[in-house]
Amino acid sequence: MKKPLRKSGCHVLKMDLANRVREIRIAMYGNHGGSMLAEALGIPFRTWHNYESGCTIPAHTILQLIEVTGAHPHWLLTGEGERFQDRRTALTN
C-alpha cells in the first residue's frame, strides 16, 4: 500500500495542476483572459486567480473547465498526452 502524500507532495500536485489550468486558460483566452474564463465558469475572477495560484480546485470546477474548454482530463491530471480532447481552436498550442 502506498503511503499518503506528505504536505509537500500535495503542494507539488496542486501547483502542477495550477500550472496546467493556467496553460489551458492562456491557450483558450490569452495571457489576460482570466476574467473571461472565470465568467465562462460562473465564478469570480479572484477565485480563478486563487486556483491558478495553487489553491485547491473543487471537482465541480474542474468538470466545468473540461466542459467549457475541452481540456483533456488525463492531461490535466498528469500533464501527459494531448492537452485538448478535440481540435478546438486555441490561441497557442
PDB file of N, CA and C in Angstrom:
ATOM      1  N   MET A   1       0.839  -1.178   0.000  1.00  0.00           N
ATOM      2  CA  MET A   1       0.000   0.000   0.000  1.00  0.00           C
ATOM      3  C   MET A   1       0.887   1.245   0.000  1.00  0.00           C
ATOM      4  N   LYS A   2       0.509   2.230  -0.815  1.00  0.00           N
ATOM      5  CA  LYS A   2       1.271   3.468  -0.873  1.00  0.00           C
ATOM      6  C   LYS A   2       1.063   4.284   0.393  1.00  0.00           C
ATOM      7  N   LYS A   3       2.101   4.994   0.777  1.00  0.00           N
ATOM      8  CA  LYS A   3       1.984   5.905   1.904  1.00  0.00           C
ATOM      9  C   LYS A   3       1.236   7.144   1.449  1.00  0.00           C
ATOM     10  N   PRO A   4       0.461   7.772   2.344  1.00  0.00           N
ATOM     11  CA  PRO A   4      -0.217   9.008   1.964  1.00  0.00           C
ATOM     12  C   PRO A   4       0.806  10.090   1.623  1.00  0.00           C
ATOM     13  N   LEU A   5       0.430  10.968   0.713  1.00  0.00           N
ATOM     14  CA  LEU A   5       1.330  12.060   0.341  1.00  0.00           C
ATOM     15  C   LEU A   5       1.531  12.998   1.522  1.00  0.00           C
ATOM     16  N   ARG A   6       2.762  13.418   1.702  1.00  0.00           N
ATOM     17  CA  ARG A   6       3.035  14.434   2.716  1.00  0.00           C
ATOM     18  C   ARG A   6       2.553  15.768   2.175  1.00  0.00           C
ATOM     19  N   LYS A   7       2.464  16.750   3.042  1.00  0.00           N
ATOM     20  CA  LYS A   7       2.003  18.071   2.613  1.00  0.00           C
ATOM     21  C   LYS A   7       2.812  18.587   1.437  1.00  0.00           C
ATOM     22  N   SER A   8       4.106  18.394   1.464  1.00  0.00           N
ATOM     23  CA  SER A   8       4.930  18.896   0.364  1.00  0.00           C
ATOM     24  C   SER A   8       4.569  18.196  -0.939  1.00  0.00           C
ATOM     25  N   GLY A   9       4.254  16.904  -0.889  1.00  0.00           N
ATOM     26  CA  GLY A   9       3.834  16.169  -2.069  1.00  0.00           C
ATOM     27  C   GLY A   9       2.505  16.680  -2.594  1.00  0.00           C
ATOM     28  N   CYS A  10       1.572  16.949  -1.700  1.00  0.00           N
ATOM     29  CA  CYS A  10       0.277  17.510  -2.091  1.00  0.00           C
ATOM     30  C   CYS A  10       0.466  18.894  -2.696  1.00  0.00           C
ATOM     31  N   HIS A  11       1.348  19.668  -2.110  1.00  0.00           N
ATOM     32  CA  HIS A  11       1.600  21.015  -2.624  1.00  0.00           C
ATOM     33  C   HIS A  11       2.136  20.952  -4.055  1.00  0.00           C
ATOM     34  N   VAL A  12       3.030  20.023  -4.313  1.00  0.00           N
ATOM     35  CA  VAL A  12       3.580  19.867  -5.667  1.00  0.00           C
ATOM     36  C   VAL A  12       2.468  19.500  -6.637  1.00  0.00           C
ATOM     37  N   LEU A  13       1.589  18.567  -6.250  1.00  0.00           N
ATOM     38  CA  LEU A  13       0.476  18.174  -7.114  1.00  0.00           C
ATOM     39  C   LEU A  13      -0.453  19.351  -7.393  1.00  0.00           C
ATOM     40  N   LYS A  14      -0.754  20.135  -6.360  1.00  0.00           N
ATOM     41  CA  LYS A  14      -1.615  21.310  -6.537  1.00  0.00           C
ATOM     42  C   LYS A  14      -0.986  22.319  -7.483  1.00  0.00           C
ATOM     43  N   MET A  15       0.307  22.549  -7.322  1.00  0.00           N
ATOM     44  CA  MET A  15       0.977  23.520  -8.181  1.00  0.00           C
ATOM     45  C   MET A  15       1.075  23.018  -9.615  1.00  0.00           C
ATOM     46  N   ASP A  16       1.277  21.723  -9.796  1.00  0.00           N
ATOM     47  CA  ASP A  16       1.293  21.162 -11.143  1.00  0.00           C
ATOM     48  C   ASP A  16      -0.067  21.363 -11.814  1.00  0.00           C
ATOM     49  N   LEU A  17      -1.147  21.088 -11.078  1.00  0.00           N
ATOM     50  CA  LEU A  17      -2.481  21.291 -11.623  1.00  0.00           C
ATOM     51  C   LEU A  17      -2.717  22.770 -11.899  1.00  0.00           C
ATOM     52  N   ALA A  18      -2.302  23.631 -10.990  1.00  0.00           N
ATOM     53  CA  ALA A  18      -2.459  25.077 -11.190  1.00  0.00           C
ATOM     54  C   ALA A  18      -1.747  25.527 -12.462  1.00  0.00           C
ATOM     55  N   ASN A  19      -0.565  25.006 -12.693  1.00  0.00           N
ATOM     56  CA  ASN A  19       0.175  25.361 -13.914  1.00  0.00           C
ATOM     57  C   ASN A  19      -0.543  24.866 -15.157  1.00  0.00           C
ATOM     58  N   ARG A  20      -1.120  23.678 -15.084  1.00  0.00           N
ATOM     59  CA  ARG A  20      -1.827  23.145 -16.258  1.00  0.00           C
ATOM     60  C   ARG A  20      -3.118  23.909 -16.537  1.00  0.00           C
ATOM     61  N   VAL A  21      -3.882  24.270 -15.501  1.00  0.00           N
ATOM     62  CA  VAL A  21      -5.100  25.048 -15.771  1.00  0.00           C
ATOM     63  C   VAL A  21      -4.739  26.436 -16.299  1.00  0.00           C
ATOM     64  N   ARG A  22      -3.609  26.977 -15.854  1.00  0.00           N
ATOM     65  CA  ARG A  22      -3.141  28.259 -16.394  1.00  0.00           C
ATOM     66  C   ARG A  22      -2.816  28.110 -17.882  1.00  0.00           C
ATOM     67  N   GLU A  23      -2.154  26.997 -18.240  1.00  0.00           N
ATOM     68  CA  GLU A  23      -1.845  26.743 -19.656  1.00  0.00           C
ATOM     69  C   GLU A  23      -3.120  26.677 -20.492  1.00  0.00           C
ATOM     70  N   ILE A  24      -4.146  26.011 -19.964  1.00  0.00           N
ATOM     71  CA  ILE A  24      -5.431  25.925 -20.672  1.00  0.00           C
ATOM     72  C   ILE A  24      -6.014  27.318 -20.844  1.00  0.00           C
ATOM     73  N   ARG A  25      -6.013  28.106 -19.780  1.00  0.00           N
ATOM     74  CA  ARG A  25      -6.553  29.467 -19.844  1.00  0.00           C
ATOM     75  C   ARG A  25      -5.816  30.296 -20.891  1.00  0.00           C
ATOM     76  N   ILE A  26      -4.500  30.229 -20.905  1.00  0.00           N
ATOM     77  CA  ILE A  26      -3.718  31.011 -21.866  1.00  0.00           C
ATOM     78  C   ILE A  26      -3.999  30.538 -23.286  1.00  0.00           C
ATOM     79  N   ALA A  27      -4.077  29.220 -23.471  1.00  0.00           N
ATOM     80  CA  ALA A  27      -4.336  28.679 -24.808  1.00  0.00           C
ATOM     81  C   ALA A  27      -5.703  29.106 -25.335  1.00  0.00           C
ATOM     82  N   MET A  28      -6.696  29.145 -24.466  1.00  0.00           N
ATOM     83  CA  MET A  28      -8.061  29.443 -24.904  1.00  0.00           C
ATOM     84  C   MET A  28      -8.413  30.930 -24.864  1.00  0.00           C
ATOM     85  N   TYR A  29      -7.866  31.660 -23.882  1.00  0.00           N
ATOM     86  CA  TYR A  29      -8.295  33.037 -23.653  1.00  0.00           C
ATOM     87  C   TYR A  29      -7.156  34.058 -23.658  1.00  0.00           C
ATOM     88  N   GLY A  30      -5.935  33.615 -23.814  1.00  0.00           N
ATOM     89  CA  GLY A  30      -4.803  34.530 -23.853  1.00  0.00           C
ATOM     90  C   GLY A  30      -4.243  34.853 -22.482  1.00  0.00           C
ATOM     91  N   ASN A  31      -3.162  35.608 -22.484  1.00  0.00           N
ATOM     92  CA  ASN A  31      -2.460  35.941 -21.234  1.00  0.00           C
ATOM     93  C   ASN A  31      -3.308  36.709 -20.238  1.00  0.00           C
ATOM     94  N   HIS A  32      -4.224  37.509 -20.715  1.00  0.00           N
ATOM     95  CA  HIS A  32      -5.034  38.345 -19.830  1.00  0.00           C
ATOM     96  C   HIS A  32      -6.494  37.917 -19.847  1.00  0.00           C
ATOM     97  N   GLY A  33      -6.749  36.646 -20.115  1.00  0.00           N
ATOM     98  CA  GLY A  33      -8.109  36.161 -20.255  1.00  0.00           C
ATOM     99  C   GLY A  33      -8.687  35.484 -19.031  1.00  0.00           C
ATOM    100  N   GLY A  34      -8.063  35.659 -17.896  1.00  0.00           N
ATOM    101  CA  GLY A  34      -8.566  35.020 -16.677  1.00  0.00           C
ATOM    102  C   GLY A  34      -9.984  35.431 -16.345  1.00  0.00           C
ATOM    103  N   SER A  35     -10.308  36.683 -16.533  1.00  0.00           N
ATOM    104  CA  SER A  35     -11.663  37.138 -16.214  1.00  0.00           C
ATOM    105  C   SER A  35     -12.679  36.532 -17.185  1.00  0.00           C
ATOM    106  N   MET A  36     -12.292  36.350 -18.441  1.00  0.00           N
ATOM    107  CA  MET A  36     -13.207  35.738 -19.421  1.00  0.00           C
ATOM    108  C   MET A  36     -13.468  34.267 -19.081  1.00  0.00           C
ATOM    109  N   LEU A  37     -12.422  33.544 -18.695  1.00  0.00           N
ATOM    110  CA  LEU A  37     -12.609  32.143 -18.325  1.00  0.00           C
ATOM    111  C   LEU A  37     -13.428  32.052 -17.041  1.00  0.00           C
ATOM    112  N   ALA A  38     -13.126  32.888 -16.074  1.00  0.00           N
ATOM    113  CA  ALA A  38     -13.896  32.886 -14.823  1.00  0.00           C
ATOM    114  C   ALA A  38     -15.375  33.121 -15.116  1.00  0.00           C
ATOM    115  N   GLU A  39     -15.667  34.056 -15.999  1.00  0.00           N
ATOM    116  CA  GLU A  39     -17.056  34.328 -16.364  1.00  0.00           C
ATOM    117  C   GLU A  39     -17.686  33.106 -17.035  1.00  0.00           C
ATOM    118  N   ALA A  40     -16.955  32.461 -17.932  1.00  0.00           N
ATOM    119  CA  ALA A  40     -17.467  31.265 -18.610  1.00  0.00           C
ATOM    120  C   ALA A  40     -17.745  30.140 -17.611  1.00  0.00           C
ATOM    121  N   LEU A  41     -16.966  30.102 -16.522  1.00  0.00           N
ATOM    122  CA  LEU A  41     -17.149  29.085 -15.493  1.00  0.00           C
ATOM    123  C   LEU A  41     -18.175  29.491 -14.444  1.00  0.00           C
ATOM    124  N   GLY A  42     -18.584  30.767 -14.465  1.00  0.00           N
ATOM    125  CA  GLY A  42     -19.558  31.255 -13.492  1.00  0.00           C
ATOM    126  C   GLY A  42     -18.984  31.451 -12.106  1.00  0.00           C
ATOM    127  N   ILE A  43     -17.701  31.810 -12.057  1.00  0.00           N
ATOM    128  CA  ILE A  43     -17.043  32.052 -10.766  1.00  0.00           C
ATOM    129  C   ILE A  43     -16.387  33.430 -10.796  1.00  0.00           C
ATOM    130  N   PRO A  44     -16.134  34.021  -9.629  1.00  0.00           N
ATOM    131  CA  PRO A  44     -15.438  35.304  -9.601  1.00  0.00           C
ATOM    132  C   PRO A  44     -13.997  35.171 -10.120  1.00  0.00           C
ATOM    133  N   PHE A  45     -13.512  36.235 -10.744  1.00  0.00           N
ATOM    134  CA  PHE A  45     -12.140  36.227 -11.253  1.00  0.00           C
ATOM    135  C   PHE A  45     -11.144  35.935 -10.137  1.00  0.00           C
ATOM    136  N   ARG A  46     -11.349  36.523  -8.978  1.00  0.00           N
ATOM    137  CA  ARG A  46     -10.414  36.328  -7.860  1.00  0.00           C
ATOM    138  C   ARG A  46     -10.331  34.845  -7.479  1.00  0.00           C
ATOM    139  N   THR A  47     -11.447  34.148  -7.544  1.00  0.00           N
ATOM    140  CA  THR A  47     -11.457  32.714  -7.253  1.00  0.00           C
ATOM    141  C   THR A  47     -10.603  31.974  -8.274  1.00  0.00           C
ATOM    142  N   TRP A  48     -10.789  32.320  -9.555  1.00  0.00           N
ATOM    143  CA  TRP A  48      -9.961  31.680 -10.590  1.00  0.00           C
ATOM    144  C   TRP A  48      -8.486  31.982 -10.360  1.00  0.00           C
ATOM    145  N   HIS A  49      -8.187  33.217 -10.033  1.00  0.00           N
ATOM    146  CA  HIS A  49      -6.796  33.612  -9.757  1.00  0.00           C
ATOM    147  C   HIS A  49      -6.223  32.750  -8.624  1.00  0.00           C
ATOM    148  N   ASN A  50      -7.019  32.515  -7.595  1.00  0.00           N
ATOM    149  CA  ASN A  50      -6.566  31.668  -6.480  1.00  0.00           C
ATOM    150  C   ASN A  50      -6.271  30.249  -6.947  1.00  0.00           C
ATOM    151  N   TYR A  51      -7.105  29.713  -7.846  1.00  0.00           N
ATOM    152  CA  TYR A  51      -6.867  28.365  -8.365  1.00  0.00           C
ATOM    153  C   TYR A  51      -5.548  28.311  -9.137  1.00  0.00           C
ATOM    154  N   GLU A  52      -5.291  29.333  -9.935  1.00  0.00           N
ATOM    155  CA  GLU A  52      -4.028  29.365 -10.687  1.00  0.00           C
ATOM    156  C   GLU A  52      -2.829  29.567  -9.765  1.00  0.00           C
ATOM    157  N   SER A  53      -3.078  30.037  -8.557  1.00  0.00           N
ATOM    158  CA  SER A  53      -2.000  30.246  -7.581  1.00  0.00           C
ATOM    159  C   SER A  53      -1.743  29.015  -6.727  1.00  0.00           C
ATOM    160  N   GLY A  54      -2.560  27.973  -6.906  1.00  0.00           N
ATOM    161  CA  GLY A  54      -2.312  26.732  -6.183  1.00  0.00           C
ATOM    162  C   GLY A  54      -3.349  26.353  -5.149  1.00  0.00           C
ATOM    163  N   CYS A  55      -4.420  27.151  -4.995  1.00  0.00           N
ATOM    164  CA  CYS A  55      -5.488  26.747  -4.077  1.00  0.00           C
ATOM    165  C   CYS A  55      -6.199  25.526  -4.637  1.00  0.00           C
ATOM    166  N   THR A  56      -6.757  24.732  -3.756  1.00  0.00           N
ATOM    167  CA  THR A  56      -7.471  23.526  -4.167  1.00  0.00           C
ATOM    168  C   THR A  56      -8.648  23.896  -5.064  1.00  0.00           C
ATOM    169  N   ILE A  57      -8.747  23.203  -6.198  1.00  0.00           N
ATOM    170  CA  ILE A  57      -9.825  23.445  -7.152  1.00  0.00           C
ATOM    171  C   ILE A  57     -10.902  22.395  -6.918  1.00  0.00           C
ATOM    172  N   PRO A  58     -12.139  22.826  -6.626  1.00  0.00           N
ATOM    173  CA  PRO A  58     -13.213  21.850  -6.406  1.00  0.00           C
ATOM    174  C   PRO A  58     -13.470  21.018  -7.661  1.00  0.00           C
ATOM    175  N   ALA A  59     -13.911  19.793  -7.443  1.00  0.00           N
ATOM    176  CA  ALA A  59     -14.168  18.874  -8.554  1.00  0.00           C
ATOM    177  C   ALA A  59     -15.161  19.455  -9.548  1.00  0.00           C
ATOM    178  N   HIS A  60     -16.220  20.094  -9.054  1.00  0.00           N
ATOM    179  CA  HIS A  60     -17.219  20.636  -9.990  1.00  0.00           C
ATOM    180  C   HIS A  60     -16.622  21.721 -10.879  1.00  0.00           C
ATOM    181  N   THR A  61     -15.636  22.452 -10.381  1.00  0.00           N
ATOM    182  CA  THR A  61     -14.985  23.481 -11.193  1.00  0.00           C
ATOM    183  C   THR A  61     -14.096  22.821 -12.250  1.00  0.00           C
ATOM    184  N   ILE A  62     -13.394  21.761 -11.882  1.00  0.00           N
ATOM    185  CA  ILE A  62     -12.579  21.033 -12.858  1.00  0.00           C
ATOM    186  C   ILE A  62     -13.478  20.474 -13.965  1.00  0.00           C
ATOM    187  N   LEU A  63     -14.623  19.912 -13.579  1.00  0.00           N
ATOM    188  CA  LEU A  63     -15.548  19.371 -14.569  1.00  0.00           C
ATOM    189  C   LEU A  63     -16.078  20.466 -15.492  1.00  0.00           C
ATOM    190  N   GLN A  64     -16.390  21.629 -14.927  1.00  0.00           N
ATOM    191  CA  GLN A  64     -16.834  22.758 -15.746  1.00  0.00           C
ATOM    192  C   GLN A  64     -15.723  23.205 -16.690  1.00  0.00           C
ATOM    193  N   LEU A  65     -14.493  23.246 -16.185  1.00  0.00           N
ATOM    194  CA  LEU A  65     -13.353  23.634 -17.012  1.00  0.00           C
ATOM    195  C   LEU A  65     -13.217  22.687 -18.201  1.00  0.00           C
ATOM    196  N   ILE A  66     -13.341  21.399 -17.943  1.00  0.00           N
ATOM    197  CA  ILE A  66     -13.257  20.409 -19.018  1.00  0.00           C
ATOM    198  C   ILE A  66     -14.362  20.646 -20.037  1.00  0.00           C
ATOM    199  N   GLU A  67     -15.575  20.902 -19.563  1.00  0.00           N
ATOM    200  CA  GLU A  67     -16.702  21.120 -20.464  1.00  0.00           C
ATOM    201  C   GLU A  67     -16.547  22.405 -21.276  1.00  0.00           C
ATOM    202  N   VAL A  68     -16.132  23.481 -20.638  1.00  0.00           N
ATOM    203  CA  VAL A  68     -16.030  24.785 -21.298  1.00  0.00           C
ATOM    204  C   VAL A  68     -14.864  24.839 -22.283  1.00  0.00           C
ATOM    205  N   THR A  69     -13.742  24.230 -21.921  1.00  0.00           N
ATOM    206  CA  THR A  69     -12.533  24.375 -22.734  1.00  0.00           C
ATOM    207  C   THR A  69     -12.202  23.162 -23.594  1.00  0.00           C
ATOM    208  N   GLY A  70     -12.762  22.012 -23.255  1.00  0.00           N
ATOM    209  CA  GLY A  70     -12.392  20.794 -23.973  1.00  0.00           C
ATOM    210  C   GLY A  70     -11.051  20.239 -23.514  1.00  0.00           C
ATOM    211  N   ALA A  71     -10.585  20.680 -22.339  1.00  0.00           N
ATOM    212  CA  ALA A  71      -9.320  20.167 -21.798  1.00  0.00           C
ATOM    213  C   ALA A  71      -9.429  18.658 -21.607  1.00  0.00           C
ATOM    214  N   HIS A  72      -8.354  17.959 -21.886  1.00  0.00           N
ATOM    215  CA  HIS A  72      -8.341  16.501 -21.723  1.00  0.00           C
ATOM    216  C   HIS A  72      -8.117  16.175 -20.246  1.00  0.00           C
ATOM    217  N   PRO A  73      -9.025  15.414 -19.628  1.00  0.00           N
ATOM    218  CA  PRO A  73      -8.882  15.092 -18.196  1.00  0.00           C
ATOM    219  C   PRO A  73      -7.544  14.430 -17.853  1.00  0.00           C
ATOM    220  N   HIS A  74      -7.066  13.523 -18.711  1.00  0.00           N
ATOM    221  CA  HIS A  74      -5.791  12.850 -18.431  1.00  0.00           C
ATOM    222  C   HIS A  74      -4.643  13.860 -18.428  1.00  0.00           C
ATOM    223  N   TRP A  75      -4.674  14.796 -19.365  1.00  0.00           N
ATOM    224  CA  TRP A  75      -3.621  15.803 -19.406  1.00  0.00           C
ATOM    225  C   TRP A  75      -3.672  16.690 -18.163  1.00  0.00           C
ATOM    226  N   LEU A  76      -4.884  17.073 -17.749  1.00  0.00           N
ATOM    227  CA  LEU A  76      -4.995  17.884 -16.534  1.00  0.00           C
ATOM    228  C   LEU A  76      -4.410  17.153 -15.335  1.00  0.00           C
ATOM    229  N   LEU A  77      -4.660  15.863 -15.267  1.00  0.00           N
ATOM    230  CA  LEU A  77      -4.199  15.072 -14.129  1.00  0.00           C
ATOM    231  C   LEU A  77      -2.692  14.836 -14.152  1.00  0.00           C
ATOM    232  N   THR A  78      -2.159  14.546 -15.338  1.00  0.00           N
ATOM    233  CA  THR A  78      -0.764  14.093 -15.418  1.00  0.00           C
ATOM    234  C   THR A  78       0.172  15.017 -16.188  1.00  0.00           C
ATOM    235  N   GLY A  79      -0.377  15.837 -17.073  1.00  0.00           N
ATOM    236  CA  GLY A  79       0.460  16.640 -17.955  1.00  0.00           C
ATOM    237  C   GLY A  79       0.959  15.852 -19.155  1.00  0.00           C
ATOM    238  N   GLU A  80       0.465  14.630 -19.327  1.00  0.00           N
ATOM    239  CA  GLU A  80       0.899  13.768 -20.431  1.00  0.00           C
ATOM    240  C   GLU A  80      -0.205  13.647 -21.473  1.00  0.00           C
ATOM    241  N   GLY A  81       0.195  13.514 -22.728  1.00  0.00           N
ATOM    242  CA  GLY A  81      -0.766  13.324 -23.802  1.00  0.00           C
ATOM    243  C   GLY A  81      -1.237  14.646 -24.379  1.00  0.00           C
ATOM    244  N   GLU A  82      -2.403  14.587 -25.006  1.00  0.00           N
ATOM    245  CA  GLU A  82      -2.974  15.761 -25.656  1.00  0.00           C
ATOM    246  C   GLU A  82      -3.585  16.704 -24.624  1.00  0.00           C
ATOM    247  N   ARG A  83      -3.395  17.994 -24.835  1.00  0.00           N
ATOM    248  CA  ARG A  83      -3.943  18.999 -23.928  1.00  0.00           C
ATOM    249  C   ARG A  83      -5.462  19.091 -24.060  1.00  0.00           C
ATOM    250  N   PHE A  84      -5.957  18.933 -25.289  1.00  0.00           N
ATOM    251  CA  PHE A  84      -7.393  19.070 -25.538  1.00  0.00           C
ATOM    252  C   PHE A  84      -7.971  17.762 -26.056  1.00  0.00           C
ATOM    253  N   GLN A  85      -9.257  17.533 -25.745  1.00  0.00           N
ATOM    254  CA  GLN A  85      -9.942  16.323 -26.178  1.00  0.00           C
ATOM    255  C   GLN A  85     -10.195  16.330 -27.673  1.00  0.00           C
ATOM    256  N   ASP A  86     -10.447  17.500 -28.215  1.00  0.00           N
ATOM    257  CA  ASP A  86     -10.687  17.612 -29.653  1.00  0.00           C
ATOM    258  C   ASP A  86      -9.803  18.727 -30.180  1.00  0.00           C
ATOM    259  N   ARG A  87     -10.001  19.086 -31.379  1.00  0.00           N
ATOM    260  CA  ARG A  87      -9.139  20.089 -32.000  1.00  0.00           C
ATOM    261  C   ARG A  87      -9.770  21.472 -31.951  1.00  0.00           C
ATOM    262  N   ARG A  88     -10.190  21.891 -30.747  1.00  0.00           N
ATOM    263  CA  ARG A  88     -10.759  23.224 -30.584  1.00  0.00           C
ATOM    264  C   ARG A  88      -9.697  24.267 -30.911  1.00  0.00           C
ATOM    265  N   THR A  89     -10.140  25.389 -31.369  1.00  0.00           N
ATOM    266  CA  THR A  89      -9.218  26.464 -31.702  1.00  0.00           C
ATOM    267  C   THR A  89      -8.697  27.084 -30.419  1.00  0.00           C
ATOM    268  N   ALA A  90      -7.395  27.176 -30.321  1.00  0.00           N
ATOM    269  CA  ALA A  90      -6.752  27.808 -29.162  1.00  0.00           C
ATOM    270  C   ALA A  90      -5.818  28.883 -29.694  1.00  0.00           C
ATOM    271  N   LEU A  91      -5.557  29.876 -28.855  1.00  0.00           N
ATOM    272  CA  LEU A  91      -4.650  30.962 -29.260  1.00  0.00           C
ATOM    273  C   LEU A  91      -3.232  30.446 -29.420  1.00  0.00           C
ATOM    274  N   THR A  92      -2.832  29.515 -28.533  1.00  0.00           N
ATOM    275  CA  THR A  92      -1.494  28.926 -28.589  1.00  0.00           C
ATOM    276  C   THR A  92      -1.619  27.430 -28.384  1.00  0.00           C
ATOM    277  N   ASN A  93      -0.793  26.686 -29.032  1.00  0.00           N
ATOM    278  CA  ASN A  93      -0.811  25.236 -28.824  1.00  0.00           C
ATOM    279  C   ASN A  93       0.422  24.774 -28.146  1.00  0.00           C
TER     280      ASN A  93
END
